[in-house]
């Protein structure tokens, strides 16, 4: 595979992942998934459901940060008209 095709494939995969990321976040934060952690147990004094929501939120931010770096580095530069 040529480097240009490899770069296009990586960019396409990153765009697909960027499309799926909010959908996965929405799915993981819906009540049926969050209810699994809604019990009396605590993690370092924090209810498990709160820890779960925070962990999903932090993971979404981290993955979005990584995807934005991939997408911005793979975009071709636009030629300027001088």
PDB file of N, CA and C in Angstrom:
ATOM      1  N   UNK A   1       0.843  -1.172   0.000  1.00  0.00           N
ATOM      2  CA  UNK A   1       0.000   0.000   0.000  1.00  0.00           C
ATOM      3  C   UNK A   1       0.892   1.241   0.000  1.00  0.00           C
ATOM      4  N   UNK A   2       0.526   2.198  -0.805  1.00  0.00           N
ATOM      5  CA  UNK A   2       1.305   3.436  -0.876  1.00  0.00           C
ATOM      6  C   UNK A   2       1.028   4.313   0.334  1.00  0.00           C
ATOM      7  N   UNK A   3       1.977   5.188   0.664  1.00  0.00           N
ATOM      8  CA  UNK A   3       1.786   6.056   1.845  1.00  0.00           C
ATOM      9  C   UNK A   3       0.523   6.922   1.757  1.00  0.00           C
ATOM     10  N   UNK A   4       0.192   7.404   0.562  1.00  0.00           N
ATOM     11  CA  UNK A   4      -1.007   8.242   0.426  1.00  0.00           C
ATOM     12  C   UNK A   4      -2.265   7.428   0.701  1.00  0.00           C
ATOM     13  N   UNK A   5      -2.299   6.184   0.227  1.00  0.00           N
ATOM     14  CA  UNK A   5      -3.466   5.332   0.487  1.00  0.00           C
ATOM     15  C   UNK A   5      -3.556   4.978   1.964  1.00  0.00           C
ATOM     16  N   UNK A   6      -2.414   4.733   2.587  1.00  0.00           N
ATOM     17  CA  UNK A   6      -2.384   4.427   4.014  1.00  0.00           C
ATOM     18  C   UNK A   6      -2.892   5.615   4.827  1.00  0.00           C
ATOM     19  N   UNK A   7      -2.489   6.818   4.442  1.00  0.00           N
ATOM     20  CA  UNK A   7      -2.933   8.027   5.140  1.00  0.00           C
ATOM     21  C   UNK A   7      -4.438   8.225   4.948  1.00  0.00           C
ATOM     22  N   UNK A   8      -4.941   7.967   3.746  1.00  0.00           N
ATOM     23  CA  UNK A   8      -6.377   8.087   3.495  1.00  0.00           C
ATOM     24  C   UNK A   8      -7.173   7.076   4.307  1.00  0.00           C
ATOM     25  N   UNK A   9      -6.648   5.859   4.413  1.00  0.00           N
ATOM     26  CA  UNK A   9      -7.321   4.832   5.196  1.00  0.00           C
ATOM     27  C   UNK A   9      -7.368   5.214   6.677  1.00  0.00           C
ATOM     28  N   UNK A  10      -6.242   5.714   7.201  1.00  0.00           N
ATOM     29  CA  UNK A  10      -6.216   6.170   8.602  1.00  0.00           C
ATOM     30  C   UNK A  10      -7.198   7.304   8.825  1.00  0.00           C
ATOM     31  N   UNK A  11      -7.261   8.247   7.890  1.00  0.00           N
ATOM     32  CA  UNK A  11      -8.172   9.384   8.033  1.00  0.00           C
ATOM     33  C   UNK A  11      -9.625   8.911   7.998  1.00  0.00           C
ATOM     34  N   UNK A  12      -9.919   7.965   7.131  1.00  0.00           N
ATOM     35  CA  UNK A  12     -11.292   7.441   7.038  1.00  0.00           C
ATOM     36  C   UNK A  12     -11.670   6.716   8.331  1.00  0.00           C
ATOM     37  N   UNK A  13     -10.752   5.929   8.876  1.00  0.00           N
ATOM     38  CA  UNK A  13     -11.025   5.234  10.132  1.00  0.00           C
ATOM     39  C   UNK A  13     -11.223   6.230  11.276  1.00  0.00           C
ATOM     40  N   UNK A  14     -10.433   7.286  11.311  1.00  0.00           N
ATOM     41  CA  UNK A  14     -10.578   8.298  12.361  1.00  0.00           C
ATOM     42  C   UNK A  14     -11.913   9.022  12.227  1.00  0.00           C
ATOM     43  N   UNK A  15     -12.334   9.334  10.996  1.00  0.00           N
ATOM     44  CA  UNK A  15     -13.641   9.984  10.805  1.00  0.00           C
ATOM     45  C   UNK A  15     -14.778   9.061  11.229  1.00  0.00           C
ATOM     46  N   UNK A  16     -14.664   7.777  10.917  1.00  0.00           N
ATOM     47  CA  UNK A  16     -15.686   6.826  11.338  1.00  0.00           C
ATOM     48  C   UNK A  16     -15.755   6.719  12.854  1.00  0.00           C
ATOM     49  N   UNK A  17     -14.603   6.678  13.493  1.00  0.00           N
ATOM     50  CA  UNK A  17     -14.571   6.616  14.953  1.00  0.00           C
ATOM     51  C   UNK A  17     -15.146   7.892  15.567  1.00  0.00           C
ATOM     52  N   UNK A  18     -14.880   9.039  14.936  1.00  0.00           N
ATOM     53  CA  UNK A  18     -15.426  10.307  15.437  1.00  0.00           C
ATOM     54  C   UNK A  18     -16.945  10.345  15.300  1.00  0.00           C
ATOM     55  N   UNK A  19     -17.466   9.650  14.325  1.00  0.00           N
ATOM     56  CA  UNK A  19     -18.917   9.581  14.167  1.00  0.00           C
ATOM     57  C   UNK A  19     -19.536   8.661  15.207  1.00  0.00           C
ATOM     58  N   UNK A  20     -18.868   7.578  15.525  1.00  0.00           N
ATOM     59  CA  UNK A  20     -19.405   6.592  16.456  1.00  0.00           C
ATOM     60  C   UNK A  20     -19.240   7.034  17.911  1.00  0.00           C
ATOM     61  N   UNK A  21     -18.247   7.836  18.216  1.00  0.00           N
ATOM     62  CA  UNK A  21     -17.956   8.225  19.591  1.00  0.00           C
ATOM     63  C   UNK A  21     -19.151   8.838  20.336  1.00  0.00           C
ATOM     64  N   UNK A  22     -19.840   9.834  19.786  1.00  0.00           N
ATOM     65  CA  UNK A  22     -20.984  10.385  20.532  1.00  0.00           C
ATOM     66  C   UNK A  22     -22.116   9.370  20.696  1.00  0.00           C
ATOM     67  N   UNK A  23     -22.286   8.500  19.719  1.00  0.00           N
ATOM     68  CA  UNK A  23     -23.330   7.484  19.827  1.00  0.00           C
ATOM     69  C   UNK A  23     -23.010   6.481  20.939  1.00  0.00           C
ATOM     70  N   UNK A  24     -21.745   6.099  21.046  1.00  0.00           N
ATOM     71  CA  UNK A  24     -21.341   5.201  22.127  1.00  0.00           C
ATOM     72  C   UNK A  24     -21.500   5.891  23.487  1.00  0.00           C
ATOM     73  N   UNK A  25     -21.147   7.168  23.555  1.00  0.00           N
ATOM     74  CA  UNK A  25     -21.324   7.910  24.796  1.00  0.00           C
ATOM     75  C   UNK A  25     -22.778   7.990  25.206  1.00  0.00           C
ATOM     76  N   UNK A  26     -23.627   8.246  24.240  1.00  0.00           N
ATOM     77  CA  UNK A  26     -25.059   8.305  24.521  1.00  0.00           C
ATOM     78  C   UNK A  26     -25.570   6.958  25.004  1.00  0.00           C
ATOM     79  N   UNK A  27     -25.140   5.900  24.350  1.00  0.00           N
ATOM     80  CA  UNK A  27     -25.569   4.565  24.743  1.00  0.00           C
ATOM     81  C   UNK A  27     -25.092   4.216  26.149  1.00  0.00           C
ATOM     82  N   UNK A  28     -23.827   4.500  26.453  1.00  0.00           N
ATOM     83  CA  UNK A  28     -23.278   4.145  27.758  1.00  0.00           C
ATOM     84  C   UNK A  28     -23.847   4.980  28.897  1.00  0.00           C
ATOM     85  N   UNK A  29     -24.381   6.159  28.589  1.00  0.00           N
ATOM     86  CA  UNK A  29     -24.938   7.013  29.641  1.00  0.00           C
ATOM     87  C   UNK A  29     -26.454   6.902  29.772  1.00  0.00           C
ATOM     88  N   UNK A  30     -27.082   6.026  29.002  1.00  0.00           N
ATOM     89  CA  UNK A  30     -28.528   5.828  29.133  1.00  0.00           C
ATOM     90  C   UNK A  30     -28.826   5.095  30.445  1.00  0.00           C
ATOM     91  N   UNK A  31     -30.006   5.305  30.985  1.00  0.00           N
ATOM     92  CA  UNK A  31     -30.349   4.702  32.273  1.00  0.00           C
ATOM     93  C   UNK A  31     -30.170   3.181  32.375  1.00  0.00           C
ATOM     94  N   UNK A  32     -30.479   2.376  31.346  1.00  0.00           N
ATOM     95  CA  UNK A  32     -30.268   0.930  31.535  1.00  0.00           C
ATOM     96  C   UNK A  32     -28.820   0.557  31.840  1.00  0.00           C
ATOM     97  N   UNK A  33     -27.866   1.241  31.248  1.00  0.00           N
ATOM     98  CA  UNK A  33     -26.464   0.949  31.539  1.00  0.00           C
ATOM     99  C   UNK A  33     -26.047   1.554  32.870  1.00  0.00           C
ATOM    100  N   UNK A  34     -26.486   2.757  33.158  1.00  0.00           N
ATOM    101  CA  UNK A  34     -26.093   3.416  34.405  1.00  0.00           C
ATOM    102  C   UNK A  34     -26.737   2.744  35.616  1.00  0.00           C
ATOM    103  N   UNK A  35     -27.913   2.154  35.452  1.00  0.00           N
ATOM    104  CA  UNK A  35     -28.603   1.499  36.558  1.00  0.00           C
ATOM    105  C   UNK A  35     -27.824   0.293  37.078  1.00  0.00           C
ATOM    106  N   UNK A  36     -26.986  -0.297  36.248  1.00  0.00           N
ATOM    107  CA  UNK A  36     -26.181  -1.429  36.692  1.00  0.00           C
ATOM    108  C   UNK A  36     -25.295  -1.013  37.868  1.00  0.00           C
ATOM    109  N   UNK A  37     -24.869   0.240  37.865  1.00  0.00           N
ATOM    110  CA  UNK A  37     -23.970   0.727  38.907  1.00  0.00           C
ATOM    111  C   UNK A  37     -24.691   1.480  40.014  1.00  0.00           C
ATOM    112  N   UNK A  38     -25.999   1.576  39.957  1.00  0.00           N
ATOM    113  CA  UNK A  38     -26.779   2.288  40.976  1.00  0.00           C
ATOM    114  C   UNK A  38     -27.067   1.347  42.144  1.00  0.00           C
ATOM    115  N   UNK A  39     -26.096   1.206  43.028  1.00  0.00           N
ATOM    116  CA  UNK A  39     -26.276   0.387  44.219  1.00  0.00           C
ATOM    117  C   UNK A  39     -25.664   1.127  45.407  1.00  0.00           C
ATOM    118  N   UNK A  40     -25.620   0.473  46.524  1.00  0.00           N
ATOM    119  CA  UNK A  40     -25.153   1.130  47.753  1.00  0.00           C
ATOM    120  C   UNK A  40     -23.631   1.168  47.889  1.00  0.00           C
ATOM    121  N   UNK A  41     -22.901   0.502  47.009  1.00  0.00           N
ATOM    122  CA  UNK A  41     -21.445   0.466  47.162  1.00  0.00           C
ATOM    123  C   UNK A  41     -20.826   1.805  46.764  1.00  0.00           C
ATOM    124  N   UNK A  42     -19.621   1.999  47.268  1.00  0.00           N
ATOM    125  CA  UNK A  42     -18.905   3.258  47.030  1.00  0.00           C
ATOM    126  C   UNK A  42     -17.462   2.960  46.648  1.00  0.00           C
ATOM    127  N   UNK A  43     -16.892   3.870  45.860  1.00  0.00           N
ATOM    128  CA  UNK A  43     -15.486   3.795  45.480  1.00  0.00           C
ATOM    129  C   UNK A  43     -14.825   5.052  46.040  1.00  0.00           C
ATOM    130  N   UNK A  44     -13.944   4.875  47.016  1.00  0.00           N
ATOM    131  CA  UNK A  44     -13.304   6.008  47.701  1.00  0.00           C
ATOM    132  C   UNK A  44     -14.333   7.008  48.223  1.00  0.00           C
ATOM    133  N   UNK A  45     -15.456   6.508  48.701  1.00  0.00           N
ATOM    134  CA  UNK A  45     -16.499   7.355  49.260  1.00  0.00           C
ATOM    135  C   UNK A  45     -17.460   7.940  48.247  1.00  0.00           C
ATOM    136  N   UNK A  46     -17.246   7.660  46.966  1.00  0.00           N
ATOM    137  CA  UNK A  46     -18.108   8.179  45.900  1.00  0.00           C
ATOM    138  C   UNK A  46     -19.035   7.055  45.444  1.00  0.00           C
ATOM    139  N   UNK A  47     -20.337   7.326  45.328  1.00  0.00           N
ATOM    140  CA  UNK A  47     -21.241   6.276  44.835  1.00  0.00           C
ATOM    141  C   UNK A  47     -20.777   5.755  43.468  1.00  0.00           C
ATOM    142  N   UNK A  48     -20.953   4.454  43.250  1.00  0.00           N
ATOM    143  CA  UNK A  48     -20.446   3.839  42.027  1.00  0.00           C
ATOM    144  C   UNK A  48     -21.090   4.414  40.769  1.00  0.00           C
ATOM    145  N   UNK A  49     -22.348   4.816  40.844  1.00  0.00           N
ATOM    146  CA  UNK A  49     -22.992   5.375  39.649  1.00  0.00           C
ATOM    147  C   UNK A  49     -22.339   6.705  39.265  1.00  0.00           C
ATOM    148  N   UNK A  50     -21.949   7.493  40.259  1.00  0.00           N
ATOM    149  CA  UNK A  50     -21.265   8.755  39.982  1.00  0.00           C
ATOM    150  C   UNK A  50     -19.876   8.485  39.398  1.00  0.00           C
ATOM    151  N   UNK A  51     -19.176   7.510  39.952  1.00  0.00           N
ATOM    152  CA  UNK A  51     -17.859   7.142  39.425  1.00  0.00           C
ATOM    153  C   UNK A  51     -17.982   6.625  37.987  1.00  0.00           C
ATOM    154  N   UNK A  52     -19.024   5.848  37.702  1.00  0.00           N
ATOM    155  CA  UNK A  52     -19.248   5.337  36.354  1.00  0.00           C
ATOM    156  C   UNK A  52     -19.482   6.477  35.364  1.00  0.00           C
ATOM    157  N   UNK A  53     -20.359   7.394  35.708  1.00  0.00           N
ATOM    158  CA  UNK A  53     -20.658   8.520  34.815  1.00  0.00           C
ATOM    159  C   UNK A  53     -19.406   9.366  34.592  1.00  0.00           C
ATOM    160  N   UNK A  54     -18.650   9.633  35.647  1.00  0.00           N
ATOM    161  CA  UNK A  54     -17.426  10.405  35.503  1.00  0.00           C
ATOM    162  C   UNK A  54     -16.402   9.670  34.648  1.00  0.00           C
ATOM    163  N   UNK A  55     -16.267   8.362  34.835  1.00  0.00           N
ATOM    164  CA  UNK A  55     -15.308   7.576  34.052  1.00  0.00           C
ATOM    165  C   UNK A  55     -15.678   7.577  32.570  1.00  0.00           C
ATOM    166  N   UNK A  56     -16.950   7.431  32.255  1.00  0.00           N
ATOM    167  CA  UNK A  56     -17.394   7.469  30.854  1.00  0.00           C
ATOM    168  C   UNK A  56     -17.134   8.859  30.280  1.00  0.00           C
ATOM    169  N   UNK A  57     -17.461   9.892  31.032  1.00  0.00           N
ATOM    170  CA  UNK A  57     -17.242  11.266  30.585  1.00  0.00           C
ATOM    171  C   UNK A  57     -15.764  11.521  30.304  1.00  0.00           C
ATOM    172  N   UNK A  58     -14.895  11.100  31.222  1.00  0.00           N
ATOM    173  CA  UNK A  58     -13.455  11.294  31.045  1.00  0.00           C
ATOM    174  C   UNK A  58     -12.933  10.497  29.849  1.00  0.00           C
ATOM    175  N   UNK A  59     -13.419   9.274  29.680  1.00  0.00           N
ATOM    176  CA  UNK A  59     -12.993   8.457  28.539  1.00  0.00           C
ATOM    177  C   UNK A  59     -13.431   9.082  27.218  1.00  0.00           C
ATOM    178  N   UNK A  60     -14.633   9.627  27.173  1.00  0.00           N
ATOM    179  CA  UNK A  60     -15.106  10.291  25.953  1.00  0.00           C
ATOM    180  C   UNK A  60     -14.237  11.501  25.618  1.00  0.00           C
ATOM    181  N   UNK A  61     -13.872  12.266  26.621  1.00  0.00           N
ATOM    182  CA  UNK A  61     -13.015  13.434  26.388  1.00  0.00           C
ATOM    183  C   UNK A  61     -11.640  12.999  25.887  1.00  0.00           C
ATOM    184  N   UNK A  62     -11.057  11.973  26.501  1.00  0.00           N
ATOM    185  CA  UNK A  62      -9.744  11.498  26.096  1.00  0.00           C
ATOM    186  C   UNK A  62      -9.761  10.976  24.658  1.00  0.00           C
ATOM    187  N   UNK A  63     -10.760  10.165  24.318  1.00  0.00           N
ATOM    188  CA  UNK A  63     -10.842   9.614  22.961  1.00  0.00           C
ATOM    189  C   UNK A  63     -11.097  10.733  21.957  1.00  0.00           C
ATOM    190  N   UNK A  64     -11.940  11.698  22.296  1.00  0.00           N
ATOM    191  CA  UNK A  64     -12.184  12.824  21.390  1.00  0.00           C
ATOM    192  C   UNK A  64     -10.919  13.650  21.175  1.00  0.00           C
ATOM    193  N   UNK A  65     -10.125  13.809  22.211  1.00  0.00           N
ATOM    194  CA  UNK A  65      -8.861  14.530  22.084  1.00  0.00           C
ATOM    195  C   UNK A  65      -7.915  13.806  21.133  1.00  0.00           C
ATOM    196  N   UNK A  66      -7.807  12.502  21.297  1.00  0.00           N
ATOM    197  CA  UNK A  66      -6.941  11.711  20.413  1.00  0.00           C
ATOM    198  C   UNK A  66      -7.446  11.748  18.970  1.00  0.00           C
ATOM    199  N   UNK A  67      -8.764  11.623  18.791  1.00  0.00           N
ATOM    200  CA  UNK A  67      -9.325  11.654  17.440  1.00  0.00           C
ATOM    201  C   UNK A  67      -9.142  13.021  16.793  1.00  0.00           C
ATOM    202  N   UNK A  68      -9.281  14.077  17.568  1.00  0.00           N
ATOM    203  CA  UNK A  68      -9.100  15.404  16.984  1.00  0.00           C
ATOM    204  C   UNK A  68      -7.661  15.610  16.535  1.00  0.00           C
ATOM    205  N   UNK A  69      -6.722  15.068  17.283  1.00  0.00           N
ATOM    206  CA  UNK A  69      -5.314  15.161  16.872  1.00  0.00           C
ATOM    207  C   UNK A  69      -5.078  14.373  15.586  1.00  0.00           C
ATOM    208  N   UNK A  70      -5.675  13.200  15.480  1.00  0.00           N
ATOM    209  CA  UNK A  70      -5.540  12.406  14.257  1.00  0.00           C
ATOM    210  C   UNK A  70      -6.183  13.100  13.066  1.00  0.00           C
ATOM    211  N   UNK A  71      -7.358  13.640  13.268  1.00  0.00           N
ATOM    212  CA  UNK A  71      -8.078  14.278  12.164  1.00  0.00           C
ATOM    213  C   UNK A  71      -7.400  15.562  11.712  1.00  0.00           C
ATOM    214  N   UNK A  72      -6.864  16.331  12.646  1.00  0.00           N
ATOM    215  CA  UNK A  72      -6.229  17.582  12.248  1.00  0.00           C
ATOM    216  C   UNK A  72      -4.891  17.338  11.561  1.00  0.00           C
ATOM    217  N   UNK A  73      -4.190  16.263  11.925  1.00  0.00           N
ATOM    218  CA  UNK A  73      -2.910  15.984  11.272  1.00  0.00           C
ATOM    219  C   UNK A  73      -3.090  15.328   9.913  1.00  0.00           C
ATOM    220  N   UNK A  74      -4.237  14.704   9.663  1.00  0.00           N
ATOM    221  CA  UNK A  74      -4.464  14.012   8.397  1.00  0.00           C
ATOM    222  C   UNK A  74      -5.121  14.884   7.337  1.00  0.00           C
ATOM    223  N   UNK A  75      -5.637  16.038   7.737  1.00  0.00           N
ATOM    224  CA  UNK A  75      -6.293  16.891   6.750  1.00  0.00           C
ATOM    225  C   UNK A  75      -5.255  17.537   5.837  1.00  0.00           C
ATOM    226  N   UNK A  76      -5.533  17.526   4.544  1.00  0.00           N
ATOM    227  CA  UNK A  76      -4.579  18.185   3.631  1.00  0.00           C
ATOM    228  C   UNK A  76      -4.638  19.697   3.811  1.00  0.00           C
ATOM    229  N   UNK A  77      -3.536  20.330   3.601  1.00  0.00           N
ATOM    230  CA  UNK A  77      -3.511  21.780   3.708  1.00  0.00           C
ATOM    231  C   UNK A  77      -4.076  22.393   2.444  1.00  0.00           C
ATOM    232  N   UNK A  78      -4.814  23.441   2.597  1.00  0.00           N
ATOM    233  CA  UNK A  78      -5.410  24.123   1.461  1.00  0.00           C
ATOM    234  C   UNK A  78      -4.399  25.087   0.864  1.00  0.00           C
ATOM    235  N   UNK A  79      -4.229  25.057  -0.448  1.00  0.00           N
ATOM    236  CA  UNK A  79      -3.315  26.030  -1.052  1.00  0.00           C
ATOM    237  C   UNK A  79      -3.898  27.428  -0.954  1.00  0.00           C
ATOM    238  N   UNK A  80      -3.060  28.384  -0.727  1.00  0.00           N
ATOM    239  CA  UNK A  80      -3.516  29.771  -0.636  1.00  0.00           C
ATOM    240  C   UNK A  80      -3.340  30.460  -1.976  1.00  0.00           C
ATOM    241  N   UNK A  81      -4.275  31.287  -2.320  1.00  0.00           N
ATOM    242  CA  UNK A  81      -4.192  32.059  -3.560  1.00  0.00           C
ATOM    243  C   UNK A  81      -3.528  33.393  -3.264  1.00  0.00           C
ATOM    244  N   UNK A  82      -2.321  33.566  -3.765  1.00  0.00           N
ATOM    245  CA  UNK A  82      -1.611  34.827  -3.551  1.00  0.00           C
ATOM    246  C   UNK A  82      -1.581  35.625  -4.830  1.00  0.00           C
TER     247      UNK A  82
END
